[in-house]
C-alpha cells in the first residue's frame, strides 16, 4: 500500500526544497574550505594542489546536480524512497572519496608557517 496523492505531493515538495538547501550548503562549505586553504598555503606546490582541489569541488558540484536531477526524476515516477536511498549512498560515496583523496592529503602537507 502506497501513499495517497497528498502525501506524495508533500514528499516531492520537501525533496525539491531539500535539494536547494543541500546544494547551497555544499557550495558554502566549499567556499569556506577554499578560503581557509588559501590563507594557510601559498607556495607553488601547494598552489597546484589547491587548484586541483578547486577543480575537484567543481566536479563534485556537477555530479551532485546530476544526482539531484536523477533523484527528482525517480521521485516524479513515484519511486521517492528508492531515489533517496540511492542519493544518500552516492553522496556518501562521493564525499568519502573526496575526503580521502583530496582533503586528507592536503591537510597533511606542511603549512607555510611550519617550514
PDB file of N, CA and C in Angstrom:
ATOM      1  N   UNK A   1       0.843  -1.182   0.000  1.00  0.00           N
ATOM      2  CA  UNK A   1       0.000   0.000   0.000  1.00  0.00           C
ATOM      3  C   UNK A   1       0.885   1.241   0.000  1.00  0.00           C
ATOM      4  N   UNK A   2       0.638   2.139  -0.921  1.00  0.00           N
ATOM      5  CA  UNK A   2       1.448   3.335  -1.057  1.00  0.00           C
ATOM      6  C   UNK A   2       0.810   4.540  -0.404  1.00  0.00           C
ATOM      7  N   UNK A   3       1.468   5.645  -0.555  1.00  0.00           N
ATOM      8  CA  UNK A   3       0.981   6.905  -0.002  1.00  0.00           C
ATOM      9  C   UNK A   3      -0.135   7.458  -0.880  1.00  0.00           C
ATOM     10  N   UNK A   4      -1.016   8.261  -0.259  1.00  0.00           N
ATOM     11  CA  UNK A   4      -2.048   8.920  -1.054  1.00  0.00           C
ATOM     12  C   UNK A   4      -1.419  10.088  -1.812  1.00  0.00           C
ATOM     13  N   UNK A   5      -2.177  10.671  -2.726  1.00  0.00           N
ATOM     14  CA  UNK A   5      -1.644  11.720  -3.602  1.00  0.00           C
ATOM     15  C   UNK A   5      -1.129  12.929  -2.830  1.00  0.00           C
ATOM     16  N   UNK A   6      -1.840  13.303  -1.765  1.00  0.00           N
ATOM     17  CA  UNK A   6      -1.419  14.462  -0.978  1.00  0.00           C
ATOM     18  C   UNK A   6      -0.069  14.208  -0.304  1.00  0.00           C
ATOM     19  N   UNK A   7       0.094  13.004   0.227  1.00  0.00           N
ATOM     20  CA  UNK A   7       1.353  12.649   0.891  1.00  0.00           C
ATOM     21  C   UNK A   7       2.503  12.623  -0.121  1.00  0.00           C
ATOM     22  N   UNK A   8       2.248  12.068  -1.291  1.00  0.00           N
ATOM     23  CA  UNK A   8       3.266  12.030  -2.347  1.00  0.00           C
ATOM     24  C   UNK A   8       3.666  13.449  -2.740  1.00  0.00           C
ATOM     25  N   UNK A   9       2.685  14.321  -2.933  1.00  0.00           N
ATOM     26  CA  UNK A   9       2.967  15.711  -3.308  1.00  0.00           C
ATOM     27  C   UNK A   9       3.770  16.413  -2.216  1.00  0.00           C
ATOM     28  N   UNK A  10       3.426  16.143  -0.956  1.00  0.00           N
ATOM     29  CA  UNK A  10       4.155  16.740   0.159  1.00  0.00           C
ATOM     30  C   UNK A  10       5.611  16.273   0.173  1.00  0.00           C
ATOM     31  N   UNK A  11       5.816  14.981  -0.002  1.00  0.00           N
ATOM     32  CA  UNK A  11       7.186  14.436  -0.026  1.00  0.00           C
ATOM     33  C   UNK A  11       7.989  15.013  -1.185  1.00  0.00           C
ATOM     34  N   UNK A  12       7.369  15.107  -2.344  1.00  0.00           N
ATOM     35  CA  UNK A  12       8.074  15.638  -3.509  1.00  0.00           C
ATOM     36  C   UNK A  12       8.433  17.105  -3.305  1.00  0.00           C
ATOM     37  N   UNK A  13       7.535  17.864  -2.701  1.00  0.00           N
ATOM     38  CA  UNK A  13       7.821  19.270  -2.415  1.00  0.00           C
ATOM     39  C   UNK A  13       8.970  19.430  -1.444  1.00  0.00           C
ATOM     40  N   UNK A  14       8.984  18.595  -0.424  1.00  0.00           N
ATOM     41  CA  UNK A  14      10.076  18.638   0.549  1.00  0.00           C
ATOM     42  C   UNK A  14      11.392  18.217  -0.089  1.00  0.00           C
ATOM     43  N   UNK A  15      11.313  17.276  -0.981  1.00  0.00           N
ATOM     44  CA  UNK A  15      12.509  16.805  -1.671  1.00  0.00           C
ATOM     45  C   UNK A  15      13.127  17.922  -2.505  1.00  0.00           C
ATOM     46  N   UNK A  16      12.309  18.645  -3.214  1.00  0.00           N
ATOM     47  CA  UNK A  16      12.795  19.769  -4.024  1.00  0.00           C
ATOM     48  C   UNK A  16      13.436  20.823  -3.117  1.00  0.00           C
ATOM     49  N   UNK A  17      12.772  21.125  -2.011  1.00  0.00           N
ATOM     50  CA  UNK A  17      13.316  22.093  -1.060  1.00  0.00           C
ATOM     51  C   UNK A  17      14.657  21.613  -0.511  1.00  0.00           C
ATOM     52  N   UNK A  18      14.731  20.332  -0.156  1.00  0.00           N
ATOM     53  CA  UNK A  18      15.977  19.754   0.344  1.00  0.00           C
ATOM     54  C   UNK A  18      17.094  19.916  -0.673  1.00  0.00           C
ATOM     55  N   UNK A  19      16.810  19.665  -1.934  1.00  0.00           N
ATOM     56  CA  UNK A  19      17.838  19.752  -2.974  1.00  0.00           C
ATOM     57  C   UNK A  19      18.472  21.136  -3.001  1.00  0.00           C
ATOM     58  N   UNK A  20      17.641  22.170  -2.951  1.00  0.00           N
ATOM     59  CA  UNK A  20      18.170  23.536  -2.989  1.00  0.00           C
ATOM     60  C   UNK A  20      18.978  23.856  -1.735  1.00  0.00           C
ATOM     61  N   UNK A  21      18.468  23.477  -0.583  1.00  0.00           N
ATOM     62  CA  UNK A  21      19.174  23.746   0.672  1.00  0.00           C
ATOM     63  C   UNK A  21      20.500  22.990   0.702  1.00  0.00           C
ATOM     64  N   UNK A  22      20.485  21.738   0.276  1.00  0.00           N
ATOM     65  CA  UNK A  22      21.690  20.913   0.315  1.00  0.00           C
ATOM     66  C   UNK A  22      22.759  21.459  -0.626  1.00  0.00           C
ATOM     67  N   UNK A  23      22.402  21.791  -1.836  1.00  0.00           N
ATOM     68  CA  UNK A  23      23.398  22.295  -2.790  1.00  0.00           C
ATOM     69  C   UNK A  23      23.961  23.632  -2.298  1.00  0.00           C
ATOM     70  N   UNK A  24      23.107  24.491  -1.731  1.00  0.00           N
ATOM     71  CA  UNK A  24      23.593  25.761  -1.178  1.00  0.00           C
ATOM     72  C   UNK A  24      24.565  25.520  -0.025  1.00  0.00           C
ATOM     73  N   UNK A  25      24.244  24.545   0.824  1.00  0.00           N
ATOM     74  CA  UNK A  25      25.122  24.198   1.940  1.00  0.00           C
ATOM     75  C   UNK A  25      26.487  23.731   1.436  1.00  0.00           C
ATOM     76  N   UNK A  26      26.489  22.864   0.442  1.00  0.00           N
ATOM     77  CA  UNK A  26      27.746  22.327  -0.091  1.00  0.00           C
ATOM     78  C   UNK A  26      28.570  23.432  -0.752  1.00  0.00           C
ATOM     79  N   UNK A  27      27.922  24.296  -1.520  1.00  0.00           N
ATOM     80  CA  UNK A  27      28.626  25.418  -2.157  1.00  0.00           C
ATOM     81  C   UNK A  27      29.277  26.296  -1.088  1.00  0.00           C
ATOM     82  N   UNK A  28      28.536  26.614  -0.045  1.00  0.00           N
ATOM     83  CA  UNK A  28      29.074  27.444   1.038  1.00  0.00           C
ATOM     84  C   UNK A  28      30.227  26.729   1.744  1.00  0.00           C
ATOM     85  N   UNK A  29      30.095  25.437   1.963  1.00  0.00           N
ATOM     86  CA  UNK A  29      31.170  24.654   2.582  1.00  0.00           C
ATOM     87  C   UNK A  29      32.438  24.718   1.729  1.00  0.00           C
ATOM     88  N   UNK A  30      32.299  24.502   0.431  1.00  0.00           N
ATOM     89  CA  UNK A  30      33.462  24.539  -0.459  1.00  0.00           C
ATOM     90  C   UNK A  30      34.112  25.920  -0.456  1.00  0.00           C
ATOM     91  N   UNK A  31      33.306  26.982  -0.482  1.00  0.00           N
ATOM     92  CA  UNK A  31      33.855  28.342  -0.444  1.00  0.00           C
ATOM     93  C   UNK A  31      34.659  28.570   0.834  1.00  0.00           C
ATOM     94  N   UNK A  32      34.086  28.157   1.969  1.00  0.00           N
ATOM     95  CA  UNK A  32      34.784  28.334   3.245  1.00  0.00           C
ATOM     96  C   UNK A  32      36.064  27.510   3.296  1.00  0.00           C
ATOM     97  N   UNK A  33      35.993  26.277   2.823  1.00  0.00           N
ATOM     98  CA  UNK A  33      37.170  25.411   2.810  1.00  0.00           C
ATOM     99  C   UNK A  33      38.274  26.016   1.946  1.00  0.00           C
ATOM    100  N   UNK A  34      37.916  26.495   0.775  1.00  0.00           N
ATOM    101  CA  UNK A  34      38.905  27.087  -0.129  1.00  0.00           C
ATOM    102  C   UNK A  34      39.482  28.382   0.444  1.00  0.00           C
ATOM    103  N   UNK A  35      38.668  29.140   1.135  1.00  0.00           N
ATOM    104  CA  UNK A  35      39.143  30.376   1.762  1.00  0.00           C
ATOM    105  C   UNK A  35      40.176  30.056   2.842  1.00  0.00           C
ATOM    106  N   UNK A  36      39.879  29.065   3.661  1.00  0.00           N
ATOM    107  CA  UNK A  36      40.821  28.647   4.706  1.00  0.00           C
ATOM    108  C   UNK A  36      42.103  28.122   4.078  1.00  0.00           C
ATOM    109  N   UNK A  37      41.969  27.291   3.062  1.00  0.00           N
ATOM    110  CA  UNK A  37      43.141  26.716   2.398  1.00  0.00           C
ATOM    111  C   UNK A  37      44.023  27.802   1.793  1.00  0.00           C
ATOM    112  N   UNK A  38      43.407  28.795   1.185  1.00  0.00           N
ATOM    113  CA  UNK A  38      44.191  29.850   0.532  1.00  0.00           C
ATOM    114  C   UNK A  38      44.970  30.683   1.545  1.00  0.00           C
ATOM    115  N   UNK A  39      44.481  30.760   2.777  1.00  0.00           N
ATOM    116  CA  UNK A  39      45.194  31.511   3.817  1.00  0.00           C
ATOM    117  C   UNK A  39      46.339  30.699   4.413  1.00  0.00           C
ATOM    118  N   UNK A  40      46.193  29.393   4.422  1.00  0.00           N
ATOM    119  CA  UNK A  40      47.197  28.530   5.050  1.00  0.00           C
ATOM    120  C   UNK A  40      48.351  28.228   4.103  1.00  0.00           C
ATOM    121  N   UNK A  41      48.046  28.038   2.843  1.00  0.00           N
ATOM    122  CA  UNK A  41      49.052  27.591   1.880  1.00  0.00           C
ATOM    123  C   UNK A  41      49.279  28.647   0.812  1.00  0.00           C
ATOM    124  N   UNK A  42      50.564  28.915   0.523  1.00  0.00           N
ATOM    125  CA  UNK A  42      50.821  29.905  -0.527  1.00  0.00           C
ATOM    126  C   UNK A  42      52.001  29.568  -1.425  1.00  0.00           C
ATOM    127  N   UNK A  43      52.708  28.469  -1.176  1.00  0.00           N
ATOM    128  CA  UNK A  43      53.844  28.185  -2.058  1.00  0.00           C
ATOM    129  C   UNK A  43      53.380  27.508  -3.343  1.00  0.00           C
ATOM    130  N   UNK A  44      54.289  27.392  -4.286  1.00  0.00           N
ATOM    131  CA  UNK A  44      53.946  26.905  -5.627  1.00  0.00           C
ATOM    132  C   UNK A  44      53.357  25.490  -5.616  1.00  0.00           C
ATOM    133  N   UNK A  45      53.972  24.586  -4.866  1.00  0.00           N
ATOM    134  CA  UNK A  45      53.490  23.204  -4.837  1.00  0.00           C
ATOM    135  C   UNK A  45      52.078  23.107  -4.276  1.00  0.00           C
ATOM    136  N   UNK A  46      51.839  23.807  -3.175  1.00  0.00           N
ATOM    137  CA  UNK A  46      50.504  23.738  -2.587  1.00  0.00           C
ATOM    138  C   UNK A  46      49.495  24.504  -3.430  1.00  0.00           C
ATOM    139  N   UNK A  47      49.947  25.526  -4.155  1.00  0.00           N
ATOM    140  CA  UNK A  47      49.027  26.231  -5.049  1.00  0.00           C
ATOM    141  C   UNK A  47      48.497  25.304  -6.132  1.00  0.00           C
ATOM    142  N   UNK A  48      49.356  24.447  -6.664  1.00  0.00           N
ATOM    143  CA  UNK A  48      48.917  23.478  -7.675  1.00  0.00           C
ATOM    144  C   UNK A  48      47.925  22.492  -7.062  1.00  0.00           C
ATOM    145  N   UNK A  49      48.217  22.028  -5.862  1.00  0.00           N
ATOM    146  CA  UNK A  49      47.280  21.127  -5.168  1.00  0.00           C
ATOM    147  C   UNK A  49      45.956  21.839  -4.906  1.00  0.00           C
ATOM    148  N   UNK A  50      46.048  23.104  -4.521  1.00  0.00           N
ATOM    149  CA  UNK A  50      44.849  23.897  -4.256  1.00  0.00           C
ATOM    150  C   UNK A  50      44.007  24.036  -5.524  1.00  0.00           C
ATOM    151  N   UNK A  51      44.667  24.318  -6.641  1.00  0.00           N
ATOM    152  CA  UNK A  51      43.951  24.448  -7.917  1.00  0.00           C
ATOM    153  C   UNK A  51      43.247  23.139  -8.269  1.00  0.00           C
ATOM    154  N   UNK A  52      43.932  22.017  -8.108  1.00  0.00           N
ATOM    155  CA  UNK A  52      43.323  20.709  -8.381  1.00  0.00           C
ATOM    156  C   UNK A  52      42.163  20.432  -7.430  1.00  0.00           C
ATOM    157  N   UNK A  53      42.310  20.867  -6.201  1.00  0.00           N
ATOM    158  CA  UNK A  53      41.251  20.687  -5.207  1.00  0.00           C
ATOM    159  C   UNK A  53      40.005  21.488  -5.609  1.00  0.00           C
ATOM    160  N   UNK A  54      40.218  22.718  -6.059  1.00  0.00           N
ATOM    161  CA  UNK A  54      39.096  23.538  -6.531  1.00  0.00           C
ATOM    162  C   UNK A  54      38.404  22.876  -7.725  1.00  0.00           C
ATOM    163  N   UNK A  55      39.184  22.338  -8.642  1.00  0.00           N
ATOM    164  CA  UNK A  55      38.605  21.642  -9.797  1.00  0.00           C
ATOM    165  C   UNK A  55      37.780  20.443  -9.343  1.00  0.00           C
ATOM    166  N   UNK A  56      38.254  19.746  -8.332  1.00  0.00           N
ATOM    167  CA  UNK A  56      37.505  18.607  -7.796  1.00  0.00           C
ATOM    168  C   UNK A  56      36.194  19.072  -7.168  1.00  0.00           C
ATOM    169  N   UNK A  57      36.215  20.215  -6.491  1.00  0.00           N
ATOM    170  CA  UNK A  57      34.975  20.764  -5.941  1.00  0.00           C
ATOM    171  C   UNK A  57      33.977  21.049  -7.064  1.00  0.00           C
ATOM    172  N   UNK A  58      34.453  21.638  -8.145  1.00  0.00           N
ATOM    173  CA  UNK A  58      33.577  21.920  -9.293  1.00  0.00           C
ATOM    174  C   UNK A  58      32.997  20.628  -9.861  1.00  0.00           C
ATOM    175  N   UNK A  59      33.847  19.616  -9.972  1.00  0.00           N
ATOM    176  CA  UNK A  59      33.394  18.315 -10.481  1.00  0.00           C
ATOM    177  C   UNK A  59      32.344  17.711  -9.551  1.00  0.00           C
ATOM    178  N   UNK A  60      32.587  17.783  -8.250  1.00  0.00           N
ATOM    179  CA  UNK A  60      31.627  17.249  -7.281  1.00  0.00           C
ATOM    180  C   UNK A  60      30.280  17.957  -7.389  1.00  0.00           C
ATOM    181  N   UNK A  61      30.304  19.264  -7.559  1.00  0.00           N
ATOM    182  CA  UNK A  61      29.051  20.012  -7.700  1.00  0.00           C
ATOM    183  C   UNK A  61      28.286  19.573  -8.947  1.00  0.00           C
ATOM    184  N   UNK A  62      29.003  19.360 -10.039  1.00  0.00           N
ATOM    185  CA  UNK A  62      28.332  18.879 -11.263  1.00  0.00           C
ATOM    186  C   UNK A  62      27.727  17.491 -11.040  1.00  0.00           C
ATOM    187  N   UNK A  63      28.477  16.628 -10.374  1.00  0.00           N
ATOM    188  CA  UNK A  63      27.966  15.285 -10.094  1.00  0.00           C
ATOM    189  C   UNK A  63      26.753  15.343  -9.168  1.00  0.00           C
ATOM    190  N   UNK A  64      26.800  16.225  -8.178  1.00  0.00           N
ATOM    191  CA  UNK A  64      25.659  16.386  -7.270  1.00  0.00           C
ATOM    192  C   UNK A  64      24.427  16.862  -8.025  1.00  0.00           C
ATOM    193  N   UNK A  65      24.612  17.815  -8.923  1.00  0.00           N
ATOM    194  CA  UNK A  65      23.476  18.313  -9.697  1.00  0.00           C
ATOM    195  C   UNK A  65      22.882  17.207 -10.555  1.00  0.00           C
ATOM    196  N   UNK A  66      23.730  16.375 -11.121  1.00  0.00           N
ATOM    197  CA  UNK A  66      23.252  15.239 -11.903  1.00  0.00           C
ATOM    198  C   UNK A  66      22.477  14.262 -11.019  1.00  0.00           C
ATOM    199  N   UNK A  67      23.011  13.977  -9.843  1.00  0.00           N
ATOM    200  CA  UNK A  67      22.321  13.080  -8.911  1.00  0.00           C
ATOM    201  C   UNK A  67      20.982  13.660  -8.471  1.00  0.00           C
ATOM    202  N   UNK A  68      20.941  14.958  -8.257  1.00  0.00           N
ATOM    203  CA  UNK A  68      19.693  15.594  -7.848  1.00  0.00           C
ATOM    204  C   UNK A  68      18.659  15.538  -8.964  1.00  0.00           C
ATOM    205  N   UNK A  69      19.120  15.678 -10.193  1.00  0.00           N
ATOM    206  CA  UNK A  69      18.206  15.552 -11.326  1.00  0.00           C
ATOM    207  C   UNK A  69      17.620  14.138 -11.369  1.00  0.00           C
ATOM    208  N   UNK A  70      18.481  13.140 -11.190  1.00  0.00           N
ATOM    209  CA  UNK A  70      18.012  11.749 -11.166  1.00  0.00           C
ATOM    210  C   UNK A  70      17.054  11.519 -10.006  1.00  0.00           C
ATOM    211  N   UNK A  71      17.361  12.114  -8.862  1.00  0.00           N
ATOM    212  CA  UNK A  71      16.504  11.996  -7.689  1.00  0.00           C
ATOM    213  C   UNK A  71      15.114  12.546  -7.985  1.00  0.00           C
ATOM    214  N   UNK A  72      15.059  13.719  -8.586  1.00  0.00           N
ATOM    215  CA  UNK A  72      13.769  14.325  -8.934  1.00  0.00           C
ATOM    216  C   UNK A  72      13.012  13.488  -9.953  1.00  0.00           C
ATOM    217  N   UNK A  73      13.727  12.991 -10.951  1.00  0.00           N
ATOM    218  CA  UNK A  73      13.093  12.176 -11.990  1.00  0.00           C
ATOM    219  C   UNK A  73      12.488  10.913 -11.394  1.00  0.00           C
ATOM    220  N   UNK A  74      13.251  10.228 -10.552  1.00  0.00           N
ATOM    221  CA  UNK A  74      12.746   8.999  -9.922  1.00  0.00           C
ATOM    222  C   UNK A  74      11.583   9.306  -8.986  1.00  0.00           C
ATOM    223  N   UNK A  75      11.665  10.408  -8.284  1.00  0.00           N
ATOM    224  CA  UNK A  75      10.576  10.803  -7.397  1.00  0.00           C
ATOM    225  C   UNK A  75       9.308  11.084  -8.194  1.00  0.00           C
ATOM    226  N   UNK A  76       9.457  11.763  -9.329  1.00  0.00           N
ATOM    227  CA  UNK A  76       8.304  12.042 -10.195  1.00  0.00           C
ATOM    228  C   UNK A  76       7.660  10.759 -10.703  1.00  0.00           C
ATOM    229  N   UNK A  77       8.453   9.711 -10.819  1.00  0.00           N
ATOM    230  CA  UNK A  77       7.936   8.411 -11.271  1.00  0.00           C
ATOM    231  C   UNK A  77       7.304   7.618 -10.128  1.00  0.00           C
ATOM    232  N   UNK A  78       7.344   8.194  -8.922  1.00  0.00           N
ATOM    233  CA  UNK A  78       6.739   7.527  -7.777  1.00  0.00           C
ATOM    234  C   UNK A  78       7.689   6.666  -6.970  1.00  0.00           C
ATOM    235  N   UNK A  79       8.986   6.812  -7.211  1.00  0.00           N
ATOM    236  CA  UNK A  79       9.988   5.999  -6.515  1.00  0.00           C
ATOM    237  C   UNK A  79      10.820   6.861  -5.559  1.00  0.00           C
ATOM    238  N   UNK A  80      10.152   7.698  -4.780  1.00  0.00           N
ATOM    239  CA  UNK A  80      10.855   8.663  -3.938  1.00  0.00           C
ATOM    240  C   UNK A  80      11.785   7.998  -2.927  1.00  0.00           C
ATOM    241  N   UNK A  81      11.305   7.010  -2.194  1.00  0.00           N
ATOM    242  CA  UNK A  81      12.144   6.403  -1.151  1.00  0.00           C
ATOM    243  C   UNK A  81      13.355   5.689  -1.747  1.00  0.00           C
ATOM    244  N   UNK A  82      13.170   5.022  -2.871  1.00  0.00           N
ATOM    245  CA  UNK A  82      14.291   4.359  -3.546  1.00  0.00           C
ATOM    246  C   UNK A  82      15.297   5.412  -4.014  1.00  0.00           C
ATOM    247  N   UNK A  83      14.793   6.500  -4.563  1.00  0.00           N
ATOM    248  CA  UNK A  83      15.660   7.573  -5.056  1.00  0.00           C
ATOM    249  C   UNK A  83      16.461   8.200  -3.916  1.00  0.00           C
ATOM    250  N   UNK A  84      15.825   8.393  -2.770  1.00  0.00           N
ATOM    251  CA  UNK A  84      16.520   8.988  -1.624  1.00  0.00           C
ATOM    252  C   UNK A  84      17.621   8.059  -1.125  1.00  0.00           C
ATOM    253  N   UNK A  85      17.342   6.767  -1.048  1.00  0.00           N
ATOM    254  CA  UNK A  85      18.372   5.816  -0.618  1.00  0.00           C
ATOM    255  C   UNK A  85      19.557   5.818  -1.581  1.00  0.00           C
ATOM    256  N   UNK A  86      19.275   5.816  -2.870  1.00  0.00           N
ATOM    257  CA  UNK A  86      20.346   5.831  -3.869  1.00  0.00           C
ATOM    258  C   UNK A  86      21.144   7.141  -3.786  1.00  0.00           C
ATOM    259  N   UNK A  87      20.442   8.255  -3.627  1.00  0.00           N
ATOM    260  CA  UNK A  87      21.093   9.556  -3.495  1.00  0.00           C
ATOM    261  C   UNK A  87      22.019   9.552  -2.272  1.00  0.00           C
ATOM    262  N   UNK A  88      21.512   9.082  -1.144  1.00  0.00           N
ATOM    263  CA  UNK A  88      22.312   9.023   0.083  1.00  0.00           C
ATOM    264  C   UNK A  88      23.560   8.170  -0.127  1.00  0.00           C
ATOM    265  N   UNK A  89      23.395   7.020  -0.730  1.00  0.00           N
ATOM    266  CA  UNK A  89      24.525   6.128  -0.981  1.00  0.00           C
ATOM    267  C   UNK A  89      25.575   6.813  -1.854  1.00  0.00           C
ATOM    268  N   UNK A  90      25.142   7.414  -2.961  1.00  0.00           N
ATOM    269  CA  UNK A  90      26.076   8.037  -3.908  1.00  0.00           C
ATOM    270  C   UNK A  90      26.768   9.264  -3.307  1.00  0.00           C
ATOM    271  N   UNK A  91      26.018  10.093  -2.575  1.00  0.00           N
ATOM    272  CA  UNK A  91      26.605  11.290  -1.960  1.00  0.00           C
ATOM    273  C   UNK A  91      27.638  10.881  -0.910  1.00  0.00           C
ATOM    274  N   UNK A  92      27.297   9.876  -0.104  1.00  0.00           N
ATOM    275  CA  UNK A  92      28.237   9.383   0.901  1.00  0.00           C
ATOM    276  C   UNK A  92      29.507   8.877   0.234  1.00  0.00           C
ATOM    277  N   UNK A  93      29.346   8.156  -0.847  1.00  0.00           N
ATOM    278  CA  UNK A  93      30.484   7.630  -1.600  1.00  0.00           C
ATOM    279  C   UNK A  93      31.330   8.769  -2.190  1.00  0.00           C
ATOM    280  N   UNK A  94      30.672   9.733  -2.826  1.00  0.00           N
ATOM    281  CA  UNK A  94      31.392  10.852  -3.446  1.00  0.00           C
ATOM    282  C   UNK A  94      32.197  11.650  -2.426  1.00  0.00           C
ATOM    283  N   UNK A  95      31.564  12.005  -1.315  1.00  0.00           N
ATOM    284  CA  UNK A  95      32.250  12.826  -0.326  1.00  0.00           C
ATOM    285  C   UNK A  95      33.301  12.038   0.443  1.00  0.00           C
ATOM    286  N   UNK A  96      33.072  10.753   0.665  1.00  0.00           N
ATOM    287  CA  UNK A  96      34.093   9.919   1.300  1.00  0.00           C
ATOM    288  C   UNK A  96      35.335   9.830   0.436  1.00  0.00           C
ATOM    289  N   UNK A  97      35.133   9.600  -0.847  1.00  0.00           N
ATOM    290  CA  UNK A  97      36.254   9.535  -1.788  1.00  0.00           C
ATOM    291  C   UNK A  97      36.978  10.877  -1.851  1.00  0.00           C
ATOM    292  N   UNK A  98      36.228  11.953  -1.915  1.00  0.00           N
ATOM    293  CA  UNK A  98      36.830  13.293  -1.960  1.00  0.00           C
ATOM    294  C   UNK A  98      37.681  13.543  -0.711  1.00  0.00           C
ATOM    295  N   UNK A  99      37.147  13.217   0.445  1.00  0.00           N
ATOM    296  CA  UNK A  99      37.891  13.446   1.692  1.00  0.00           C
ATOM    297  C   UNK A  99      39.189  12.643   1.709  1.00  0.00           C
ATOM    298  N   UNK A 100      39.120  11.384   1.309  1.00  0.00           N
ATOM    299  CA  UNK A 100      40.324  10.537   1.310  1.00  0.00           C
ATOM    300  C   UNK A 100      41.355  10.990   0.284  1.00  0.00           C
ATOM    301  N   UNK A 101      40.897  11.397  -0.891  1.00  0.00           N
ATOM    302  CA  UNK A 101      41.830  11.701  -1.980  1.00  0.00           C
ATOM    303  C   UNK A 101      42.314  13.150  -1.987  1.00  0.00           C
ATOM    304  N   UNK A 102      41.525  14.062  -1.444  1.00  0.00           N
ATOM    305  CA  UNK A 102      41.882  15.481  -1.531  1.00  0.00           C
ATOM    306  C   UNK A 102      42.035  16.155  -0.170  1.00  0.00           C
ATOM    307  N   UNK A 103      41.039  16.039   0.693  1.00  0.00           N
ATOM    308  CA  UNK A 103      41.102  16.762   1.965  1.00  0.00           C
ATOM    309  C   UNK A 103      42.206  16.231   2.874  1.00  0.00           C
ATOM    310  N   UNK A 104      42.241  14.923   3.084  1.00  0.00           N
ATOM    311  CA  UNK A 104      43.248  14.349   3.989  1.00  0.00           C
ATOM    312  C   UNK A 104      44.675  14.645   3.529  1.00  0.00           C
ATOM    313  N   UNK A 105      45.032  14.358   2.275  1.00  0.00           N
ATOM    314  CA  UNK A 105      46.410  14.653   1.843  1.00  0.00           C
ATOM    315  C   UNK A 105      46.750  16.144   1.919  1.00  0.00           C
ATOM    316  N   UNK A 106      45.800  16.988   1.566  1.00  0.00           N
ATOM    317  CA  UNK A 106      46.055  18.424   1.594  1.00  0.00           C
ATOM    318  C   UNK A 106      46.336  18.893   3.017  1.00  0.00           C
ATOM    319  N   UNK A 107      45.575  18.379   3.974  1.00  0.00           N
ATOM    320  CA  UNK A 107      45.748  18.804   5.355  1.00  0.00           C
ATOM    321  C   UNK A 107      47.026  18.244   5.979  1.00  0.00           C
ATOM    322  N   UNK A 108      47.567  17.171   5.422  1.00  0.00           N
ATOM    323  CA  UNK A 108      48.817  16.600   5.943  1.00  0.00           C
ATOM    324  C   UNK A 108      50.050  17.337   5.421  1.00  0.00           C
ATOM    325  N   UNK A 109      49.884  18.158   4.391  1.00  0.00           N
ATOM    326  CA  UNK A 109      51.024  18.913   3.866  1.00  0.00           C
ATOM    327  C   UNK A 109      51.467  19.934   4.906  1.00  0.00           C
ATOM    328  N   UNK A 110      52.776  20.180   4.986  1.00  0.00           N
ATOM    329  CA  UNK A 110      53.237  21.212   5.923  1.00  0.00           C
ATOM    330  C   UNK A 110      52.681  22.575   5.514  1.00  0.00           C
ATOM    331  N   UNK A 111      52.223  23.302   6.486  1.00  0.00           N
ATOM    332  CA  UNK A 111      51.721  24.650   6.226  1.00  0.00           C
ATOM    333  C   UNK A 111      52.909  25.584   6.052  1.00  0.00           C
ATOM    334  N   UNK A 112      52.704  26.662   5.325  1.00  0.00           N
ATOM    335  CA  UNK A 112      53.797  27.594   5.030  1.00  0.00           C
ATOM    336  C   UNK A 112      54.475  28.098   6.304  1.00  0.00           C
ATOM    337  N   UNK A 113      53.706  28.321   7.362  1.00  0.00           N
ATOM    338  CA  UNK A 113      54.290  28.851   8.592  1.00  0.00           C
ATOM    339  C   UNK A 113      54.973  27.771   9.435  1.00  0.00           C
ATOM    340  N   UNK A 114      54.927  26.496   8.999  1.00  0.00           N
ATOM    341  CA  UNK A 114      55.578  25.404   9.723  1.00  0.00           C
ATOM    342  C   UNK A 114      56.909  25.017   9.095  1.00  0.00           C
ATOM    343  N   UNK A 115      57.274  25.613   7.982  1.00  0.00           N
ATOM    344  CA  UNK A 115      58.507  25.242   7.272  1.00  0.00           C
ATOM    345  C   UNK A 115      59.701  25.946   7.850  1.00  0.00           C
TER     346      UNK A 115
END
